[in-house]
Amino acid sequence: MRHRISVSFNPEVQSTKFDENNEYTTKWLNIRKEYPSLPNEEGLLVDLSNSRKRALEVFSNI
Protein backbone atom coordinates (compact mmCIF):
# COMPACT_ATOMS: atom_id res chain seq x y z
CA MET A 1 0.00 0.00 0.00
CA ARG A 2 1.37 3.40 -0.98
CA HIS A 3 0.87 6.43 1.21
CA ARG A 4 0.78 9.92 -0.24
CA ILE A 5 2.52 12.53 1.83
CA SER A 6 2.27 16.12 0.73
CA VAL A 7 5.56 17.96 0.96
CA SER A 8 5.84 21.70 0.76
CA PHE A 9 9.06 23.65 0.74
CA ASN A 10 9.42 26.86 2.69
CA PRO A 11 12.23 28.68 4.53
CA GLU A 12 10.96 27.62 7.95
CA VAL A 13 11.14 23.93 7.07
CA GLN A 14 14.41 24.27 5.19
CA SER A 15 16.06 25.83 8.25
CA THR A 16 14.87 23.01 10.50
CA LYS A 17 16.94 22.32 13.60
CA PHE A 18 18.53 18.96 14.32
CA ASP A 19 18.66 17.08 17.61
CA GLU A 20 21.77 15.40 19.04
CA ASN A 21 21.18 12.36 16.78
CA ASN A 22 21.21 14.56 13.67
CA GLU A 23 17.49 14.01 13.18
CA TYR A 24 14.93 16.70 12.48
CA THR A 25 13.13 18.07 15.52
CA THR A 26 9.95 19.06 13.66
CA LYS A 27 7.17 17.35 11.71
CA TRP A 28 9.64 15.10 9.88
CA LEU A 29 10.07 12.85 12.91
CA ASN A 30 6.32 12.77 13.48
CA ILE A 31 5.71 11.52 9.94
CA ARG A 32 7.85 8.48 10.70
CA LYS A 33 5.86 7.80 13.88
CA GLU A 34 2.49 8.29 12.17
CA TYR A 35 3.29 5.81 9.39
CA PRO A 36 5.21 3.01 11.16
CA SER A 37 4.28 0.51 8.44
CA LEU A 38 6.13 2.42 5.72
CA PRO A 39 9.16 0.62 4.32
CA ASN A 40 12.49 2.40 4.58
CA GLU A 41 11.25 4.71 7.29
CA GLU A 42 14.65 6.38 7.51
CA GLY A 43 14.08 7.67 3.99
CA LEU A 44 11.53 10.11 5.35
CA LEU A 45 14.28 12.09 7.03
CA VAL A 46 15.54 13.84 3.93
CA ASP A 47 18.33 16.37 4.00
CA LEU A 48 16.52 19.57 3.11
CA SER A 49 19.77 21.22 2.10
CA ASN A 50 19.61 19.03 -0.99
CA SER A 51 17.81 20.33 -4.01
CA ARG A 52 14.02 20.29 -4.24
CA LYS A 53 14.31 17.73 -7.02
CA ARG A 54 16.30 15.31 -4.86
CA ALA A 55 13.88 15.65 -1.95
CA LEU A 56 10.92 14.99 -4.24
CA GLU A 57 12.66 11.87 -5.59
CA VAL A 58 12.97 10.52 -2.06
CA PHE A 59 9.32 11.19 -1.22
CA SER A 60 8.00 9.85 -4.51
CA ASN A 61 9.27 6.39 -3.54
CA ILE A 62 6.99 6.19 -0.49
PDB file of N, CA and C in Angstrom:
ATOM      1  N   MET A   1       0.839  -1.179   0.000  1.00  0.00           N
ATOM      2  CA  MET A   1       0.000   0.000   0.000  1.00  0.00           C
ATOM      3  C   MET A   1       0.885   1.244   0.000  1.00  0.00           C
ATOM      4  N   ARG A   2       0.593   2.156  -0.896  1.00  0.00           N
ATOM      5  CA  ARG A   2       1.369   3.400  -0.975  1.00  0.00           C
ATOM      6  C   ARG A   2       0.647   4.501  -0.224  1.00  0.00           C
ATOM      7  N   HIS A   3       1.420   5.280   0.498  1.00  0.00           N
ATOM      8  CA  HIS A   3       0.874   6.434   1.208  1.00  0.00           C
ATOM      9  C   HIS A   3       1.319   7.690   0.484  1.00  0.00           C
ATOM     10  N   ARG A   4       0.418   8.637   0.347  1.00  0.00           N
ATOM     11  CA  ARG A   4       0.783   9.920  -0.243  1.00  0.00           C
ATOM     12  C   ARG A   4       1.038  10.906   0.875  1.00  0.00           C
ATOM     13  N   ILE A   5       2.184  11.510   0.848  1.00  0.00           N
ATOM     14  CA  ILE A   5       2.521  12.529   1.828  1.00  0.00           C
ATOM     15  C   ILE A   5       2.809  13.808   1.066  1.00  0.00           C
ATOM     16  N   SER A   6       2.086  14.840   1.399  1.00  0.00           N
ATOM     17  CA  SER A   6       2.270  16.121   0.731  1.00  0.00           C
ATOM     18  C   SER A   6       3.470  16.838   1.338  1.00  0.00           C
ATOM     19  N   VAL A   7       4.359  17.274   0.486  1.00  0.00           N
ATOM     20  CA  VAL A   7       5.560  17.957   0.955  1.00  0.00           C
ATOM     21  C   VAL A   7       5.587  19.354   0.372  1.00  0.00           C
ATOM     22  N   SER A   8       5.700  20.329   1.238  1.00  0.00           N
ATOM     23  CA  SER A   8       5.843  21.701   0.758  1.00  0.00           C
ATOM     24  C   SER A   8       7.192  22.229   1.211  1.00  0.00           C
ATOM     25  N   PHE A   9       7.744  23.118   0.436  1.00  0.00           N
ATOM     26  CA  PHE A   9       9.061  23.653   0.740  1.00  0.00           C
ATOM     27  C   PHE A   9       8.922  25.118   1.115  1.00  0.00           C
ATOM     28  N   ASN A  10       9.428  25.471   2.264  1.00  0.00           N
ATOM     29  CA  ASN A  10       9.416  26.861   2.693  1.00  0.00           C
ATOM     30  C   ASN A  10      10.637  27.118   3.566  1.00  0.00           C
ATOM     31  N   PRO A  11      11.014  28.361   3.759  1.00  0.00           N
ATOM     32  CA  PRO A  11      12.227  28.679   4.528  1.00  0.00           C
ATOM     33  C   PRO A  11      12.209  28.127   5.945  1.00  0.00           C
ATOM     34  N   GLU A  12      11.038  28.116   6.575  1.00  0.00           N
ATOM     35  CA  GLU A  12      10.964  27.618   7.949  1.00  0.00           C
ATOM     36  C   GLU A  12      11.347  26.146   8.017  1.00  0.00           C
ATOM     37  N   VAL A  13      10.819  25.351   7.083  1.00  0.00           N
ATOM     38  CA  VAL A  13      11.135  23.928   7.067  1.00  0.00           C
ATOM     39  C   VAL A  13      12.583  23.708   6.658  1.00  0.00           C
ATOM     40  N   GLN A  14      13.052  24.467   5.684  1.00  0.00           N
ATOM     41  CA  GLN A  14      14.407  24.270   5.189  1.00  0.00           C
ATOM     42  C   GLN A  14      15.463  24.653   6.218  1.00  0.00           C
ATOM     43  N   SER A  15      15.096  25.460   7.209  1.00  0.00           N
ATOM     44  CA  SER A  15      16.055  25.825   8.249  1.00  0.00           C
ATOM     45  C   SER A  15      15.801  25.032   9.521  1.00  0.00           C
ATOM     46  N   THR A  16      15.218  23.854   9.369  1.00  0.00           N
ATOM     47  CA  THR A  16      14.873  23.005  10.502  1.00  0.00           C
ATOM     48  C   THR A  16      16.088  22.699  11.361  1.00  0.00           C
ATOM     49  N   LYS A  17      15.873  22.646  12.656  1.00  0.00           N
ATOM     50  CA  LYS A  17      16.945  22.324  13.601  1.00  0.00           C
ATOM     51  C   LYS A  17      17.070  20.809  13.750  1.00  0.00           C
ATOM     52  N   PHE A  18      18.263  20.372  14.106  1.00  0.00           N
ATOM     53  CA  PHE A  18      18.526  18.957  14.321  1.00  0.00           C
ATOM     54  C   PHE A  18      18.710  18.682  15.808  1.00  0.00           C
ATOM     55  N   ASP A  19      18.379  17.470  16.235  1.00  0.00           N
ATOM     56  CA  ASP A  19      18.660  17.085  17.612  1.00  0.00           C
ATOM     57  C   ASP A  19      20.055  16.464  17.680  1.00  0.00           C
ATOM     58  N   GLU A  20      20.413  15.936  18.853  1.00  0.00           N
ATOM     59  CA  GLU A  20      21.768  15.396  19.035  1.00  0.00           C
ATOM     60  C   GLU A  20      22.048  14.171  18.175  1.00  0.00           C
ATOM     61  N   ASN A  21      21.012  13.523  17.662  1.00  0.00           N
ATOM     62  CA  ASN A  21      21.182  12.364  16.780  1.00  0.00           C
ATOM     63  C   ASN A  21      21.164  12.747  15.310  1.00  0.00           C
ATOM     64  N   ASN A  22      21.227  14.051  15.039  1.00  0.00           N
ATOM     65  CA  ASN A  22      21.208  14.556  13.668  1.00  0.00           C
ATOM     66  C   ASN A  22      19.880  14.283  12.976  1.00  0.00           C
ATOM     67  N   GLU A  23      18.812  14.201  13.747  1.00  0.00           N
ATOM     68  CA  GLU A  23      17.489  14.006  13.179  1.00  0.00           C
ATOM     69  C   GLU A  23      16.705  15.304  13.315  1.00  0.00           C
ATOM     70  N   TYR A  24      15.734  15.483  12.431  1.00  0.00           N
ATOM     71  CA  TYR A  24      14.931  16.698  12.477  1.00  0.00           C
ATOM     72  C   TYR A  24      14.086  16.738  13.740  1.00  0.00           C
ATOM     73  N   THR A  25      13.906  17.928  14.287  1.00  0.00           N
ATOM     74  CA  THR A  25      13.132  18.074  15.517  1.00  0.00           C
ATOM     75  C   THR A  25      11.726  18.603  15.248  1.00  0.00           C
ATOM     76  N   THR A  26      11.276  18.558  14.003  1.00  0.00           N
ATOM     77  CA  THR A  26       9.945  19.064  13.665  1.00  0.00           C
ATOM     78  C   THR A  26       9.089  17.945  13.093  1.00  0.00           C
ATOM     79  N   LYS A  27       8.146  18.286  12.263  1.00  0.00           N
ATOM     80  CA  LYS A  27       7.169  17.349  11.713  1.00  0.00           C
ATOM     81  C   LYS A  27       7.795  16.127  11.049  1.00  0.00           C
ATOM     82  N   TRP A  28       9.021  16.228  10.585  1.00  0.00           N
ATOM     83  CA  TRP A  28       9.637  15.098   9.880  1.00  0.00           C
ATOM     84  C   TRP A  28       9.696  13.848  10.751  1.00  0.00           C
ATOM     85  N   LEU A  29      10.027  14.005  12.026  1.00  0.00           N
ATOM     86  CA  LEU A  29      10.068  12.845  12.906  1.00  0.00           C
ATOM     87  C   LEU A  29       8.665  12.307  13.150  1.00  0.00           C
ATOM     88  N   ASN A  30       7.689  13.203  13.250  1.00  0.00           N
ATOM     89  CA  ASN A  30       6.319  12.772  13.483  1.00  0.00           C
ATOM     90  C   ASN A  30       5.773  11.958  12.319  1.00  0.00           C
ATOM     91  N   ILE A  31       6.165  12.285  11.103  1.00  0.00           N
ATOM     92  CA  ILE A  31       5.713  11.522   9.944  1.00  0.00           C
ATOM     93  C   ILE A  31       6.139  10.065  10.097  1.00  0.00           C
ATOM     94  N   ARG A  32       7.357   9.844  10.540  1.00  0.00           N
ATOM     95  CA  ARG A  32       7.847   8.480  10.699  1.00  0.00           C
ATOM     96  C   ARG A  32       7.027   7.742  11.761  1.00  0.00           C
ATOM     97  N   LYS A  33       6.643   8.440  12.824  1.00  0.00           N
ATOM     98  CA  LYS A  33       5.856   7.800  13.877  1.00  0.00           C
ATOM     99  C   LYS A  33       4.417   7.547  13.439  1.00  0.00           C
ATOM    100  N   GLU A  34       3.872   8.430  12.614  1.00  0.00           N
ATOM    101  CA  GLU A  34       2.487   8.290  12.171  1.00  0.00           C
ATOM    102  C   GLU A  34       2.311   7.180  11.143  1.00  0.00           C
ATOM    103  N   TYR A  35       3.361   6.844  10.417  1.00  0.00           N
ATOM    104  CA  TYR A  35       3.291   5.808   9.392  1.00  0.00           C
ATOM    105  C   TYR A  35       4.333   4.725   9.670  1.00  0.00           C
ATOM    106  N   PRO A  36       4.195   4.003  10.797  1.00  0.00           N
ATOM    107  CA  PRO A  36       5.210   3.012  11.162  1.00  0.00           C
ATOM    108  C   PRO A  36       5.300   1.842  10.192  1.00  0.00           C
ATOM    109  N   SER A  37       4.268   1.646   9.369  1.00  0.00           N
ATOM    110  CA  SER A  37       4.285   0.513   8.440  1.00  0.00           C
ATOM    111  C   SER A  37       5.011   0.827   7.138  1.00  0.00           C
ATOM    112  N   LEU A  38       5.439   2.070   6.959  1.00  0.00           N
ATOM    113  CA  LEU A  38       6.129   2.422   5.721  1.00  0.00           C
ATOM    114  C   LEU A  38       7.486   1.731   5.639  1.00  0.00           C
ATOM    115  N   PRO A  39       7.818   1.187   4.487  1.00  0.00           N
ATOM    116  CA  PRO A  39       9.159   0.621   4.323  1.00  0.00           C
ATOM    117  C   PRO A  39      10.191   1.740   4.262  1.00  0.00           C
ATOM    118  N   ASN A  40      11.399   1.427   4.635  1.00  0.00           N
ATOM    119  CA  ASN A  40      12.494   2.403   4.576  1.00  0.00           C
ATOM    120  C   ASN A  40      12.137   3.702   5.292  1.00  0.00           C
ATOM    121  N   GLU A  41      11.696   3.553   6.534  1.00  0.00           N
ATOM    122  CA  GLU A  41      11.253   4.714   7.293  1.00  0.00           C
ATOM    123  C   GLU A  41      12.316   5.792   7.380  1.00  0.00           C
ATOM    124  N   GLU A  42      13.579   5.390   7.412  1.00  0.00           N
ATOM    125  CA  GLU A  42      14.648   6.378   7.508  1.00  0.00           C
ATOM    126  C   GLU A  42      14.659   7.309   6.309  1.00  0.00           C
ATOM    127  N   GLY A  43      14.114   6.840   5.177  1.00  0.00           N
ATOM    128  CA  GLY A  43      14.080   7.673   3.986  1.00  0.00           C
ATOM    129  C   GLY A  43      13.235   8.924   4.136  1.00  0.00           C
ATOM    130  N   LEU A  44      12.362   8.940   5.149  1.00  0.00           N
ATOM    131  CA  LEU A  44      11.529  10.112   5.353  1.00  0.00           C
ATOM    132  C   LEU A  44      12.329  11.292   5.877  1.00  0.00           C
ATOM    133  N   LEU A  45      13.471  11.021   6.470  1.00  0.00           N
ATOM    134  CA  LEU A  45      14.284  12.093   7.026  1.00  0.00           C
ATOM    135  C   LEU A  45      15.238  12.602   5.960  1.00  0.00           C
ATOM    136  N   VAL A  46      14.716  13.352   5.024  1.00  0.00           N
ATOM    137  CA  VAL A  46      15.540  13.845   3.926  1.00  0.00           C
ATOM    138  C   VAL A  46      16.345  15.054   4.357  1.00  0.00           C
ATOM    139  N   ASP A  47      17.482  15.215   3.750  1.00  0.00           N
ATOM    140  CA  ASP A  47      18.333  16.373   3.996  1.00  0.00           C
ATOM    141  C   ASP A  47      17.788  17.528   3.176  1.00  0.00           C
ATOM    142  N   LEU A  48      17.168  18.488   3.838  1.00  0.00           N
ATOM    143  CA  LEU A  48      16.518  19.574   3.114  1.00  0.00           C
ATOM    144  C   LEU A  48      17.501  20.545   2.497  1.00  0.00           C
ATOM    145  N   SER A  49      18.787  20.376   2.771  1.00  0.00           N
ATOM    146  CA  SER A  49      19.772  21.225   2.104  1.00  0.00           C
ATOM    147  C   SER A  49      19.998  20.749   0.675  1.00  0.00           C
ATOM    148  N   ASN A  50      19.541  19.519   0.383  1.00  0.00           N
ATOM    149  CA  ASN A  50      19.611  19.032  -0.995  1.00  0.00           C
ATOM    150  C   ASN A  50      18.624  19.810  -1.848  1.00  0.00           C
ATOM    151  N   SER A  51      18.712  19.625  -3.102  1.00  0.00           N
ATOM    152  CA  SER A  51      17.807  20.334  -4.007  1.00  0.00           C
ATOM    153  C   SER A  51      16.374  19.838  -3.847  1.00  0.00           C
ATOM    154  N   ARG A  52      15.439  20.667  -4.261  1.00  0.00           N
ATOM    155  CA  ARG A  52      14.021  20.290  -4.236  1.00  0.00           C
ATOM    156  C   ARG A  52      13.801  19.018  -5.044  1.00  0.00           C
ATOM    157  N   LYS A  53      14.473  18.903  -6.165  1.00  0.00           N
ATOM    158  CA  LYS A  53      14.305  17.727  -7.019  1.00  0.00           C
ATOM    159  C   LYS A  53      14.704  16.460  -6.273  1.00  0.00           C
ATOM    160  N   ARG A  54      15.827  16.489  -5.585  1.00  0.00           N
ATOM    161  CA  ARG A  54      16.297  15.305  -4.859  1.00  0.00           C
ATOM    162  C   ARG A  54      15.326  14.931  -3.740  1.00  0.00           C
ATOM    163  N   ALA A  55      14.830  15.927  -3.030  1.00  0.00           N
ATOM    164  CA  ALA A  55      13.885  15.650  -1.951  1.00  0.00           C
ATOM    165  C   ALA A  55      12.603  15.038  -2.505  1.00  0.00           C
ATOM    166  N   LEU A  56      12.133  15.543  -3.634  1.00  0.00           N
ATOM    167  CA  LEU A  56      10.924  14.992  -4.238  1.00  0.00           C
ATOM    168  C   LEU A  56      11.148  13.560  -4.717  1.00  0.00           C
ATOM    169  N   GLU A  57      12.344  13.245  -5.182  1.00  0.00           N
ATOM    170  CA  GLU A  57      12.658  11.874  -5.592  1.00  0.00           C
ATOM    171  C   GLU A  57      12.528  10.937  -4.402  1.00  0.00           C
ATOM    172  N   VAL A  58      13.035  11.356  -3.260  1.00  0.00           N
ATOM    173  CA  VAL A  58      12.967  10.523  -2.063  1.00  0.00           C
ATOM    174  C   VAL A  58      11.517  10.276  -1.683  1.00  0.00           C
ATOM    175  N   PHE A  59      10.704  11.336  -1.644  1.00  0.00           N
ATOM    176  CA  PHE A  59       9.324  11.189  -1.215  1.00  0.00           C
ATOM    177  C   PHE A  59       8.455  10.485  -2.244  1.00  0.00           C
ATOM    178  N   SER A  60       8.816  10.516  -3.499  1.00  0.00           N
ATOM    179  CA  SER A  60       7.997   9.853  -4.512  1.00  0.00           C
ATOM    180  C   SER A  60       8.108   8.336  -4.428  1.00  0.00           C
ATOM    181  N   ASN A  61       9.090   7.831  -3.693  1.00  0.00           N
ATOM    182  CA  ASN A  61       9.269   6.390  -3.543  1.00  0.00           C
ATOM    183  C   ASN A  61       8.500   5.821  -2.362  1.00  0.00           C
ATOM    184  N   ILE A  62       7.729   6.651  -1.670  1.00  0.00           N
ATOM    185  CA  ILE A  62       6.991   6.186  -0.489  1.00  0.00           C
ATOM    186  C   ILE A  62       5.762   5.420  -0.932  1.00  0.00           C
TER     187      ILE A  62
END
